[in-house]
mmCIF file of all heavy atoms, coordinates in Angstrom:
data_MODEL
# 
_entry.id   MODEL 
# 
loop_
_atom_site.group_PDB 
_atom_site.id 
_atom_site.type_symbol 
_atom_site.label_atom_id 
_atom_site.label_alt_id 
_atom_site.label_comp_id 
_atom_site.label_asym_id 
_atom_site.label_entity_id 
_atom_site.label_seq_id 
_atom_site.pdbx_PDB_ins_code 
_atom_site.Cartn_x 
_atom_site.Cartn_y 
_atom_site.Cartn_z 
_atom_site.occupancy 
_atom_site.B_iso_or_equiv 
_atom_site.pdbx_formal_charge 
_atom_site.auth_seq_id 
_atom_site.auth_comp_id 
_atom_site.auth_asym_id 
_atom_site.auth_atom_id 
_atom_site.pdbx_PDB_model_num 
ATOM 1   N N   . THR A 1 1  ? 0.860  -1.184  0.000  1.00 0.00 ? 1  THR A N   1 
ATOM 2   C CA  . THR A 1 1  ? 0.000  0.000   0.000  1.00 0.00 ? 1  THR A CA  1 
ATOM 3   C C   . THR A 1 1  ? 0.897  1.236   0.000  1.00 0.00 ? 1  THR A C   1 
ATOM 4   O O   . THR A 1 1  ? 2.116  1.139   0.174  1.00 0.00 ? 1  THR A O   1 
ATOM 5   C CB  . THR A 1 1  ? -0.893 0.035   1.262  1.00 0.00 ? 1  THR A CB  1 
ATOM 6   O OG1 . THR A 1 1  ? -0.048 0.140   2.418  1.00 0.00 ? 1  THR A OG1 1 
ATOM 7   C CG2 . THR A 1 1  ? -1.778 -1.193  1.381  1.00 0.00 ? 1  THR A CG2 1 
ATOM 8   N N   . LYS A 1 2  ? 0.271  2.409   -0.152 1.00 0.00 ? 2  LYS A N   1 
ATOM 9   C CA  . LYS A 1 2  ? 1.038  3.659   -0.078 1.00 0.00 ? 2  LYS A CA  1 
ATOM 10  C C   . LYS A 1 2  ? 1.656  3.815   1.310  1.00 0.00 ? 2  LYS A C   1 
ATOM 11  O O   . LYS A 1 2  ? 2.752  4.320   1.469  1.00 0.00 ? 2  LYS A O   1 
ATOM 12  C CB  . LYS A 1 2  ? 0.140  4.862   -0.385 1.00 0.00 ? 2  LYS A CB  1 
ATOM 13  C CG  . LYS A 1 2  ? -0.261 4.973   -1.825 1.00 0.00 ? 2  LYS A CG  1 
ATOM 14  C CD  . LYS A 1 2  ? -1.131 6.192   -2.054 1.00 0.00 ? 2  LYS A CD  1 
ATOM 15  C CE  . LYS A 1 2  ? -1.621 6.208   -3.490 1.00 0.00 ? 2  LYS A CE  1 
ATOM 16  N NZ  . LYS A 1 2  ? -2.523 7.338   -3.723 1.00 0.00 ? 2  LYS A NZ  1 
ATOM 17  N N   . GLU A 1 3  ? 0.908  3.357   2.308  1.00 0.00 ? 3  GLU A N   1 
ATOM 18  C CA  . GLU A 1 3  ? 1.353  3.441   3.704  1.00 0.00 ? 3  GLU A CA  1 
ATOM 19  C C   . GLU A 1 3  ? 2.522  2.498   4.004  1.00 0.00 ? 3  GLU A C   1 
ATOM 20  O O   . GLU A 1 3  ? 3.389  2.792   4.812  1.00 0.00 ? 3  GLU A O   1 
ATOM 21  C CB  . GLU A 1 3  ? 0.176  3.069   4.616  1.00 0.00 ? 3  GLU A CB  1 
ATOM 22  C CG  . GLU A 1 3  ? -0.086 4.045   5.710  1.00 0.00 ? 3  GLU A CG  1 
ATOM 23  C CD  . GLU A 1 3  ? -1.291 3.590   6.516  1.00 0.00 ? 3  GLU A CD  1 
ATOM 24  O OE1 . GLU A 1 3  ? -2.303 3.134   5.946  1.00 0.00 ? 3  GLU A OE1 1 
ATOM 25  O OE2 . GLU A 1 3  ? -1.188 3.700   7.740  1.00 0.00 ? 3  GLU A OE2 1 
ATOM 26  N N   . CYS A 1 4  ? 2.493  1.326   3.362  1.00 0.00 ? 4  CYS A N   1 
ATOM 27  C CA  . CYS A 1 4  ? 3.496  0.290   3.627  1.00 0.00 ? 4  CYS A CA  1 
ATOM 28  C C   . CYS A 1 4  ? 3.849  -0.366  2.287  1.00 0.00 ? 4  CYS A C   1 
ATOM 29  O O   . CYS A 1 4  ? 3.144  -1.257  1.824  1.00 0.00 ? 4  CYS A O   1 
ATOM 30  C CB  . CYS A 1 4  ? 2.926  -0.727  4.614  1.00 0.00 ? 4  CYS A CB  1 
ATOM 31  S SG  . CYS A 1 4  ? 4.121  -1.935  5.150  1.00 0.00 ? 4  CYS A SG  1 
ATOM 32  N N   . LEU A 1 5  ? 4.939  0.082   1.692  1.00 0.00 ? 5  LEU A N   1 
ATOM 33  C CA  . LEU A 1 5  ? 5.278  -0.288  0.319  1.00 0.00 ? 5  LEU A CA  1 
ATOM 34  C C   . LEU A 1 5  ? 5.477  -1.778  0.080  1.00 0.00 ? 5  LEU A C   1 
ATOM 35  O O   . LEU A 1 5  ? 5.104  -2.291  -0.973 1.00 0.00 ? 5  LEU A O   1 
ATOM 36  C CB  . LEU A 1 5  ? 6.514  0.489   -0.144 1.00 0.00 ? 5  LEU A CB  1 
ATOM 37  C CG  . LEU A 1 5  ? 6.342  2.006   -0.188 1.00 0.00 ? 5  LEU A CG  1 
ATOM 38  C CD1 . LEU A 1 5  ? 7.642  2.681   -0.596 1.00 0.00 ? 5  LEU A CD1 1 
ATOM 39  C CD2 . LEU A 1 5  ? 5.210  2.403   -1.124 1.00 0.00 ? 5  LEU A CD2 1 
ATOM 40  N N   . ASP A 1 6  ? 6.089  -2.482  1.042  1.00 0.00 ? 6  ASP A N   1 
ATOM 41  C CA  . ASP A 1 6  ? 6.322  -3.913  0.814  1.00 0.00 ? 6  ASP A CA  1 
ATOM 42  C C   . ASP A 1 6  ? 5.282  -4.808  1.489  1.00 0.00 ? 6  ASP A C   1 
ATOM 43  O O   . ASP A 1 6  ? 5.314  -6.023  1.342  1.00 0.00 ? 6  ASP A O   1 
ATOM 44  C CB  . ASP A 1 6  ? 7.733  -4.329  1.232  1.00 0.00 ? 6  ASP A CB  1 
ATOM 45  C CG  . ASP A 1 6  ? 7.966  -4.297  2.729  1.00 0.00 ? 6  ASP A CG  1 
ATOM 46  O OD1 . ASP A 1 6  ? 7.107  -3.793  3.475  1.00 0.00 ? 6  ASP A OD1 1 
ATOM 47  O OD2 . ASP A 1 6  ? 9.033  -4.782  3.165  1.00 0.00 ? 6  ASP A OD2 1 
ATOM 48  N N   . GLY A 1 7  ? 4.358  -4.208  2.238  1.00 0.00 ? 7  GLY A N   1 
ATOM 49  C CA  . GLY A 1 7  ? 3.297  -4.984  2.883  1.00 0.00 ? 7  GLY A CA  1 
ATOM 50  C C   . GLY A 1 7  ? 3.676  -5.586  4.223  1.00 0.00 ? 7  GLY A C   1 
ATOM 51  O O   . GLY A 1 7  ? 2.893  -6.315  4.819  1.00 0.00 ? 7  GLY A O   1 
ATOM 52  N N   . TYR A 1 8  ? 4.895  -5.286  4.685  1.00 0.00 ? 8  TYR A N   1 
ATOM 53  C CA  . TYR A 1 8  ? 5.356  -5.791  5.985  1.00 0.00 ? 8  TYR A CA  1 
ATOM 54  C C   . TYR A 1 8  ? 5.648  -4.601  6.897  1.00 0.00 ? 8  TYR A C   1 
ATOM 55  O O   . TYR A 1 8  ? 6.086  -3.546  6.445  1.00 0.00 ? 8  TYR A O   1 
ATOM 56  C CB  . TYR A 1 8  ? 6.639  -6.610  5.834  1.00 0.00 ? 8  TYR A CB  1 
ATOM 57  C CG  . TYR A 1 8  ? 6.471  -7.943  5.150  1.00 0.00 ? 8  TYR A CG  1 
ATOM 58  C CD1 . TYR A 1 8  ? 6.844  -8.119  3.823  1.00 0.00 ? 8  TYR A CD1 1 
ATOM 59  C CD2 . TYR A 1 8  ? 5.950  -9.038  5.836  1.00 0.00 ? 8  TYR A CD2 1 
ATOM 60  C CE1 . TYR A 1 8  ? 6.716  -9.353  3.195  1.00 0.00 ? 8  TYR A CE1 1 
ATOM 61  C CE2 . TYR A 1 8  ? 5.808  -10.272 5.217  1.00 0.00 ? 8  TYR A CE2 1 
ATOM 62  C CZ  . TYR A 1 8  ? 6.194  -10.418 3.891  1.00 0.00 ? 8  TYR A CZ  1 
ATOM 63  O OH  . TYR A 1 8  ? 6.057  -11.636 3.287  1.00 0.00 ? 8  TYR A OH  1 
ATOM 64  N N   . HIS A 1 9  ? 5.421  -4.799  8.193  1.00 0.00 ? 9  HIS A N   1 
ATOM 65  C CA  . HIS A 1 9  ? 5.725  -3.745  9.162  1.00 0.00 ? 9  HIS A CA  1 
ATOM 66  C C   . HIS A 1 9  ? 6.085  -4.382  10.496 1.00 0.00 ? 9  HIS A C   1 
ATOM 67  O O   . HIS A 1 9  ? 5.252  -5.019  11.131 1.00 0.00 ? 9  HIS A O   1 
ATOM 68  C CB  . HIS A 1 9  ? 4.513  -2.823  9.324  1.00 0.00 ? 9  HIS A CB  1 
ATOM 69  C CG  . HIS A 1 9  ? 4.808  -1.632  10.162 1.00 0.00 ? 9  HIS A CG  1 
ATOM 70  N ND1 . HIS A 1 9  ? 4.648  -1.635  11.522 1.00 0.00 ? 9  HIS A ND1 1 
ATOM 71  C CD2 . HIS A 1 9  ? 5.283  -0.408  9.837  1.00 0.00 ? 9  HIS A CD2 1 
ATOM 72  C CE1 . HIS A 1 9  ? 4.992  -0.461  12.003 1.00 0.00 ? 9  HIS A CE1 1 
ATOM 73  N NE2 . HIS A 1 9  ? 5.389  0.307   11.007 1.00 0.00 ? 9  HIS A NE2 1 
ATOM 74  N N   . GLY A 1 10 ? 7.332  -4.248  10.902 1.00 0.00 ? 10 GLY A N   1 
ATOM 75  C CA  . GLY A 1 10 ? 7.782  -4.812  12.170 1.00 0.00 ? 10 GLY A CA  1 
ATOM 76  C C   . GLY A 1 10 ? 8.219  -6.260  12.014 1.00 0.00 ? 10 GLY A C   1 
ATOM 77  O O   . GLY A 1 10 ? 8.210  -6.823  10.919 1.00 0.00 ? 10 GLY A O   1 
ATOM 78  N N   . ARG A 1 11 ? 8.598  -6.847  13.139 1.00 0.00 ? 11 ARG A N   1 
ATOM 79  C CA  . ARG A 1 11 ? 9.065  -8.239  13.153 1.00 0.00 ? 11 ARG A CA  1 
ATOM 80  C C   . ARG A 1 11 ? 8.496  -8.956  14.370 1.00 0.00 ? 11 ARG A C   1 
ATOM 81  O O   . ARG A 1 11 ? 8.114  -8.338  15.348 1.00 0.00 ? 11 ARG A O   1 
ATOM 82  C CB  . ARG A 1 11 ? 10.590 -8.294  13.189 1.00 0.00 ? 11 ARG A CB  1 
ATOM 83  C CG  . ARG A 1 11 ? 11.208 -7.713  11.930 1.00 0.00 ? 11 ARG A CG  1 
ATOM 84  C CD  . ARG A 1 11 ? 12.673 -8.025  11.824 1.00 0.00 ? 11 ARG A CD  1 
ATOM 85  N NE  . ARG A 1 11 ? 13.258 -7.354  10.696 1.00 0.00 ? 11 ARG A NE  1 
ATOM 86  C CZ  . ARG A 1 11 ? 13.442 -7.902  9.510  1.00 0.00 ? 11 ARG A CZ  1 
ATOM 87  N NH1 . ARG A 1 11 ? 13.108 -9.149  9.296  1.00 0.00 ? 11 ARG A NH1 1 
ATOM 88  N NH2 . ARG A 1 11 ? 13.970 -7.225  8.516  1.00 0.00 ? 11 ARG A NH2 1 
ATOM 89  N N   . ILE A 1 12 ? 8.491  -10.271 14.262 1.00 0.00 ? 12 ILE A N   1 
ATOM 90  C CA  . ILE A 1 12 ? 8.044  -11.127 15.364 1.00 0.00 ? 12 ILE A CA  1 
ATOM 91  C C   . ILE A 1 12 ? 8.902  -12.390 15.338 1.00 0.00 ? 12 ILE A C   1 
ATOM 92  O O   . ILE A 1 12 ? 9.422  -12.768 14.291 1.00 0.00 ? 12 ILE A O   1 
ATOM 93  C CB  . ILE A 1 12 ? 6.534  -11.460 15.241 1.00 0.00 ? 12 ILE A CB  1 
ATOM 94  C CG1 . ILE A 1 12 ? 6.010  -12.098 16.535 1.00 0.00 ? 12 ILE A CG1 1 
ATOM 95  C CG2 . ILE A 1 12 ? 6.255  -12.320 14.018 1.00 0.00 ? 12 ILE A CG2 1 
ATOM 96  C CD1 . ILE A 1 12 ? 4.500  -12.183 16.611 1.00 0.00 ? 12 ILE A CD1 1 
ATOM 97  N N   . GLY A 1 13 ? 9.035  -13.036 16.471 1.00 0.00 ? 13 GLY A N   1 
ATOM 98  C CA  . GLY A 1 13 ? 9.842  -14.247 16.544 1.00 0.00 ? 13 GLY A CA  1 
ATOM 99  C C   . GLY A 1 13 ? 9.044  -15.493 16.213 1.00 0.00 ? 13 GLY A C   1 
ATOM 100 O O   . GLY A 1 13 ? 7.846  -15.570 16.476 1.00 0.00 ? 13 GLY A O   1 
ATOM 101 N N   . ILE A 1 14 ? 9.737  -16.452 15.615 1.00 0.00 ? 14 ILE A N   1 
ATOM 102 C CA  . ILE A 1 14 ? 9.228  -17.819 15.529 1.00 0.00 ? 14 ILE A CA  1 
ATOM 103 C C   . ILE A 1 14 ? 10.197 -18.641 16.375 1.00 0.00 ? 14 ILE A C   1 
ATOM 104 O O   . ILE A 1 14 ? 11.396 -18.368 16.391 1.00 0.00 ? 14 ILE A O   1 
ATOM 105 C CB  . ILE A 1 14 ? 9.096  -18.346 14.078 1.00 0.00 ? 14 ILE A CB  1 
ATOM 106 C CG1 . ILE A 1 14 ? 10.415 -18.275 13.324 1.00 0.00 ? 14 ILE A CG1 1 
ATOM 107 C CG2 . ILE A 1 14 ? 7.987  -17.603 13.355 1.00 0.00 ? 14 ILE A CG2 1 
ATOM 108 C CD1 . ILE A 1 14 ? 10.390 -18.952 11.967 1.00 0.00 ? 14 ILE A CD1 1 
ATOM 109 N N   . TYR A 1 15 ? 9.681  -19.618 17.089 1.00 0.00 ? 15 TYR A N   1 
ATOM 110 C CA  . TYR A 1 15 ? 10.476 -20.295 18.113 1.00 0.00 ? 15 TYR A CA  1 
ATOM 111 C C   . TYR A 1 15 ? 10.341 -21.807 18.064 1.00 0.00 ? 15 TYR A C   1 
ATOM 112 O O   . TYR A 1 15 ? 9.348  -22.329 17.576 1.00 0.00 ? 15 TYR A O   1 
ATOM 113 C CB  . TYR A 1 15 ? 9.997  -19.850 19.510 1.00 0.00 ? 15 TYR A CB  1 
ATOM 114 C CG  . TYR A 1 15 ? 9.979  -18.362 19.696 1.00 0.00 ? 15 TYR A CG  1 
ATOM 115 C CD1 . TYR A 1 15 ? 8.810  -17.632 19.495 1.00 0.00 ? 15 TYR A CD1 1 
ATOM 116 C CD2 . TYR A 1 15 ? 11.125 -17.680 20.070 1.00 0.00 ? 15 TYR A CD2 1 
ATOM 117 C CE1 . TYR A 1 15 ? 8.789  -16.260 19.657 1.00 0.00 ? 15 TYR A CE1 1 
ATOM 118 C CE2 . TYR A 1 15 ? 11.110 -16.302 20.236 1.00 0.00 ? 15 TYR A CE2 1 
ATOM 119 C CZ  . TYR A 1 15 ? 9.940  -15.601 20.025 1.00 0.00 ? 15 TYR A CZ  1 
ATOM 120 O OH  . TYR A 1 15 ? 9.929  -14.231 20.186 1.00 0.00 ? 15 TYR A OH  1 
ATOM 121 N N   . GLU A 1 16 ? 11.342 -22.460 18.643 1.00 0.00 ? 16 GLU A N   1 
ATOM 122 C CA  . GLU A 1 16 ? 11.211 -23.865 19.024 1.00 0.00 ? 16 GLU A CA  1 
ATOM 123 C C   . GLU A 1 16 ? 11.848 -23.995 20.399 1.00 0.00 ? 16 GLU A C   1 
ATOM 124 O O   . GLU A 1 16 ? 12.872 -23.369 20.684 1.00 0.00 ? 16 GLU A O   1 
ATOM 125 C CB  . GLU A 1 16 ? 11.811 -24.817 17.992 1.00 0.00 ? 16 GLU A CB  1 
ATOM 126 C CG  . GLU A 1 16 ? 13.289 -24.788 17.808 1.00 0.00 ? 16 GLU A CG  1 
ATOM 127 C CD  . GLU A 1 16 ? 13.741 -25.721 16.677 1.00 0.00 ? 16 GLU A CD  1 
ATOM 128 O OE1 . GLU A 1 16 ? 13.020 -25.868 15.680 1.00 0.00 ? 16 GLU A OE1 1 
ATOM 129 O OE2 . GLU A 1 16 ? 14.825 -26.284 16.818 1.00 0.00 ? 16 GLU A OE2 1 
ATOM 130 N N   . VAL A 1 17 ? 11.192 -24.767 21.239 1.00 0.00 ? 17 VAL A N   1 
ATOM 131 C CA  . VAL A 1 17 ? 11.635 -24.924 22.619 1.00 0.00 ? 17 VAL A CA  1 
ATOM 132 C C   . VAL A 1 17 ? 11.907 -26.399 22.872 1.00 0.00 ? 17 VAL A C   1 
ATOM 133 O O   . VAL A 1 17 ? 10.993 -27.220 22.822 1.00 0.00 ? 17 VAL A O   1 
ATOM 134 C CB  . VAL A 1 17 ? 10.563 -24.398 23.610 1.00 0.00 ? 17 VAL A CB  1 
ATOM 135 C CG1 . VAL A 1 17 ? 11.025 -24.588 25.039 1.00 0.00 ? 17 VAL A CG1 1 
ATOM 136 C CG2 . VAL A 1 17 ? 10.237 -22.937 23.321 1.00 0.00 ? 17 VAL A CG2 1 
ATOM 137 N N   . LEU A 1 18 ? 13.172 -26.720 23.109 1.00 0.00 ? 18 LEU A N   1 
ATOM 138 C CA  . LEU A 1 18 ? 13.579 -28.093 23.361 1.00 0.00 ? 18 LEU A CA  1 
ATOM 139 C C   . LEU A 1 18 ? 13.766 -28.258 24.870 1.00 0.00 ? 18 LEU A C   1 
ATOM 140 O O   . LEU A 1 18 ? 14.676 -27.671 25.453 1.00 0.00 ? 18 LEU A O   1 
ATOM 141 C CB  . LEU A 1 18 ? 14.887 -28.397 22.620 1.00 0.00 ? 18 LEU A CB  1 
ATOM 142 C CG  . LEU A 1 18 ? 15.324 -29.850 22.540 1.00 0.00 ? 18 LEU A CG  1 
ATOM 143 C CD1 . LEU A 1 18 ? 16.289 -30.036 21.379 1.00 0.00 ? 18 LEU A CD1 1 
ATOM 144 C CD2 . LEU A 1 18 ? 15.929 -30.394 23.783 1.00 0.00 ? 18 LEU A CD2 1 
ATOM 145 N N   . THR A 1 19 ? 12.892 -29.012 25.484 1.00 0.00 ? 19 THR A N   1 
ATOM 146 C CA  . THR A 1 19 ? 12.990 -29.301 26.911 1.00 0.00 ? 19 THR A CA  1 
ATOM 147 C C   . THR A 1 19 ? 13.954 -30.470 27.099 1.00 0.00 ? 19 THR A C   1 
ATOM 148 O O   . THR A 1 19 ? 13.817 -31.505 26.449 1.00 0.00 ? 19 THR A O   1 
ATOM 149 C CB  . THR A 1 19 ? 11.608 -29.661 27.493 1.00 0.00 ? 19 THR A CB  1 
ATOM 150 O OG1 . THR A 1 19 ? 10.716 -28.572 27.227 1.00 0.00 ? 19 THR A OG1 1 
ATOM 151 C CG2 . THR A 1 19 ? 11.684 -29.913 28.985 1.00 0.00 ? 19 THR A CG2 1 
ATOM 152 N N   . VAL A 1 20 ? 14.918 -30.287 27.983 1.00 0.00 ? 20 VAL A N   1 
ATOM 153 C CA  . VAL A 1 20 ? 15.917 -31.331 28.220 1.00 0.00 ? 20 VAL A CA  1 
ATOM 154 C C   . VAL A 1 20 ? 15.376 -32.269 29.306 1.00 0.00 ? 20 VAL A C   1 
ATOM 155 O O   . VAL A 1 20 ? 15.598 -32.082 30.495 1.00 0.00 ? 20 VAL A O   1 
ATOM 156 C CB  . VAL A 1 20 ? 17.285 -30.722 28.610 1.00 0.00 ? 20 VAL A CB  1 
ATOM 157 C CG1 . VAL A 1 20 ? 18.323 -31.818 28.795 1.00 0.00 ? 20 VAL A CG1 1 
ATOM 158 C CG2 . VAL A 1 20 ? 17.744 -29.739 27.541 1.00 0.00 ? 20 VAL A CG2 1 
ATOM 159 N N   . ASN A 1 21 ? 14.656 -33.285 28.845 1.00 0.00 ? 21 ASN A N   1 
ATOM 160 C CA  . ASN A 1 21 ? 14.086 -34.284 29.751 1.00 0.00 ? 21 ASN A CA  1 
ATOM 161 C C   . ASN A 1 21 ? 15.018 -35.501 29.822 1.00 0.00 ? 21 ASN A C   1 
ATOM 162 O O   . ASN A 1 21 ? 16.124 -35.468 29.285 1.00 0.00 ? 21 ASN A O   1 
ATOM 163 C CB  . ASN A 1 21 ? 12.676 -34.671 29.299 1.00 0.00 ? 21 ASN A CB  1 
ATOM 164 C CG  . ASN A 1 21 ? 12.665 -35.214 27.881 1.00 0.00 ? 21 ASN A CG  1 
ATOM 165 O OD1 . ASN A 1 21 ? 13.667 -35.720 27.377 1.00 0.00 ? 21 ASN A OD1 1 
ATOM 166 N ND2 . ASN A 1 21 ? 11.527 -35.097 27.220 1.00 0.00 ? 21 ASN A ND2 1 
ATOM 167 N N   . GLU A 1 22 ? 14.564 -36.556 30.439 1.00 0.00 ? 22 GLU A N   1 
ATOM 168 C CA  . GLU A 1 22 ? 15.428 -37.737 30.635 1.00 0.00 ? 22 GLU A CA  1 
ATOM 169 C C   . GLU A 1 22 ? 15.899 -38.368 29.327 1.00 0.00 ? 22 GLU A C   1 
ATOM 170 O O   . GLU A 1 22 ? 17.055 -38.752 29.204 1.00 0.00 ? 22 GLU A O   1 
ATOM 171 C CB  . GLU A 1 22 ? 14.731 -38.780 31.513 1.00 0.00 ? 22 GLU A CB  1 
ATOM 172 C CG  . GLU A 1 22 ? 14.602 -38.369 32.974 1.00 0.00 ? 22 GLU A CG  1 
ATOM 173 C CD  . GLU A 1 22 ? 15.915 -37.951 33.632 1.00 0.00 ? 22 GLU A CD  1 
ATOM 174 O OE1 . GLU A 1 22 ? 16.931 -38.663 33.467 1.00 0.00 ? 22 GLU A OE1 1 
ATOM 175 O OE2 . GLU A 1 22 ? 15.933 -36.894 34.288 1.00 0.00 ? 22 GLU A OE2 1 
ATOM 176 N N   . THR A 1 23 ? 15.004 -38.487 28.346 1.00 0.00 ? 23 THR A N   1 
ATOM 177 C CA  . THR A 1 23 ? 15.419 -39.113 27.084 1.00 0.00 ? 23 THR A CA  1 
ATOM 178 C C   . THR A 1 23 ? 16.435 -38.247 26.346 1.00 0.00 ? 23 THR A C   1 
ATOM 179 O O   . THR A 1 23 ? 17.384 -38.766 25.752 1.00 0.00 ? 23 THR A O   1 
ATOM 180 C CB  . THR A 1 23 ? 14.217 -39.418 26.168 1.00 0.00 ? 23 THR A CB  1 
ATOM 181 O OG1 . THR A 1 23 ? 13.470 -38.219 25.962 1.00 0.00 ? 23 THR A OG1 1 
ATOM 182 C CG2 . THR A 1 23 ? 13.329 -40.484 26.754 1.00 0.00 ? 23 THR A CG2 1 
ATOM 183 N N   . ILE A 1 24 ? 16.258 -36.941 26.400 1.00 0.00 ? 24 ILE A N   1 
ATOM 184 C CA  . ILE A 1 24 ? 17.215 -36.028 25.761 1.00 0.00 ? 24 ILE A CA  1 
ATOM 185 C C   . ILE A 1 24 ? 18.547 -36.078 26.508 1.00 0.00 ? 24 ILE A C   1 
ATOM 186 O O   . ILE A 1 24 ? 19.621 -36.086 25.890 1.00 0.00 ? 24 ILE A O   1 
ATOM 187 C CB  . ILE A 1 24 ? 16.657 -34.591 25.693 1.00 0.00 ? 24 ILE A CB  1 
ATOM 188 C CG1 . ILE A 1 24 ? 15.351 -34.544 24.878 1.00 0.00 ? 24 ILE A CG1 1 
ATOM 189 C CG2 . ILE A 1 24 ? 17.700 -33.623 25.139 1.00 0.00 ? 24 ILE A CG2 1 
ATOM 190 C CD1 . ILE A 1 24 ? 15.457 -34.954 23.426 1.00 0.00 ? 24 ILE A CD1 1 
ATOM 191 N N   . LYS A 1 25 ? 18.497 -36.144 27.834 1.00 0.00 ? 25 LYS A N   1 
ATOM 192 C CA  . LYS A 1 25 ? 19.731 -36.249 28.634 1.00 0.00 ? 25 LYS A CA  1 
ATOM 193 C C   . LYS A 1 25 ? 20.531 -37.494 28.241 1.00 0.00 ? 25 LYS A C   1 
ATOM 194 O O   . LYS A 1 25 ? 21.755 -37.442 28.110 1.00 0.00 ? 25 LYS A O   1 
ATOM 195 C CB  . LYS A 1 25 ? 19.405 -36.289 30.128 1.00 0.00 ? 25 LYS A CB  1 
ATOM 196 C CG  . LYS A 1 25 ? 18.970 -34.955 30.682 1.00 0.00 ? 25 LYS A CG  1 
ATOM 197 C CD  . LYS A 1 25 ? 18.637 -35.061 32.155 1.00 0.00 ? 25 LYS A CD  1 
ATOM 198 C CE  . LYS A 1 25 ? 18.165 -33.704 32.655 1.00 0.00 ? 25 LYS A CE  1 
ATOM 199 N NZ  . LYS A 1 25 ? 17.996 -33.650 34.092 1.00 0.00 ? 25 LYS A NZ  1 
# 
């Protein structure tokens, strides 16, 4: 749009959370 030329504004995280449980240990 005229307001936002590329259609993106700001950033946000994408995540993965690996819990270190007994099998991972």
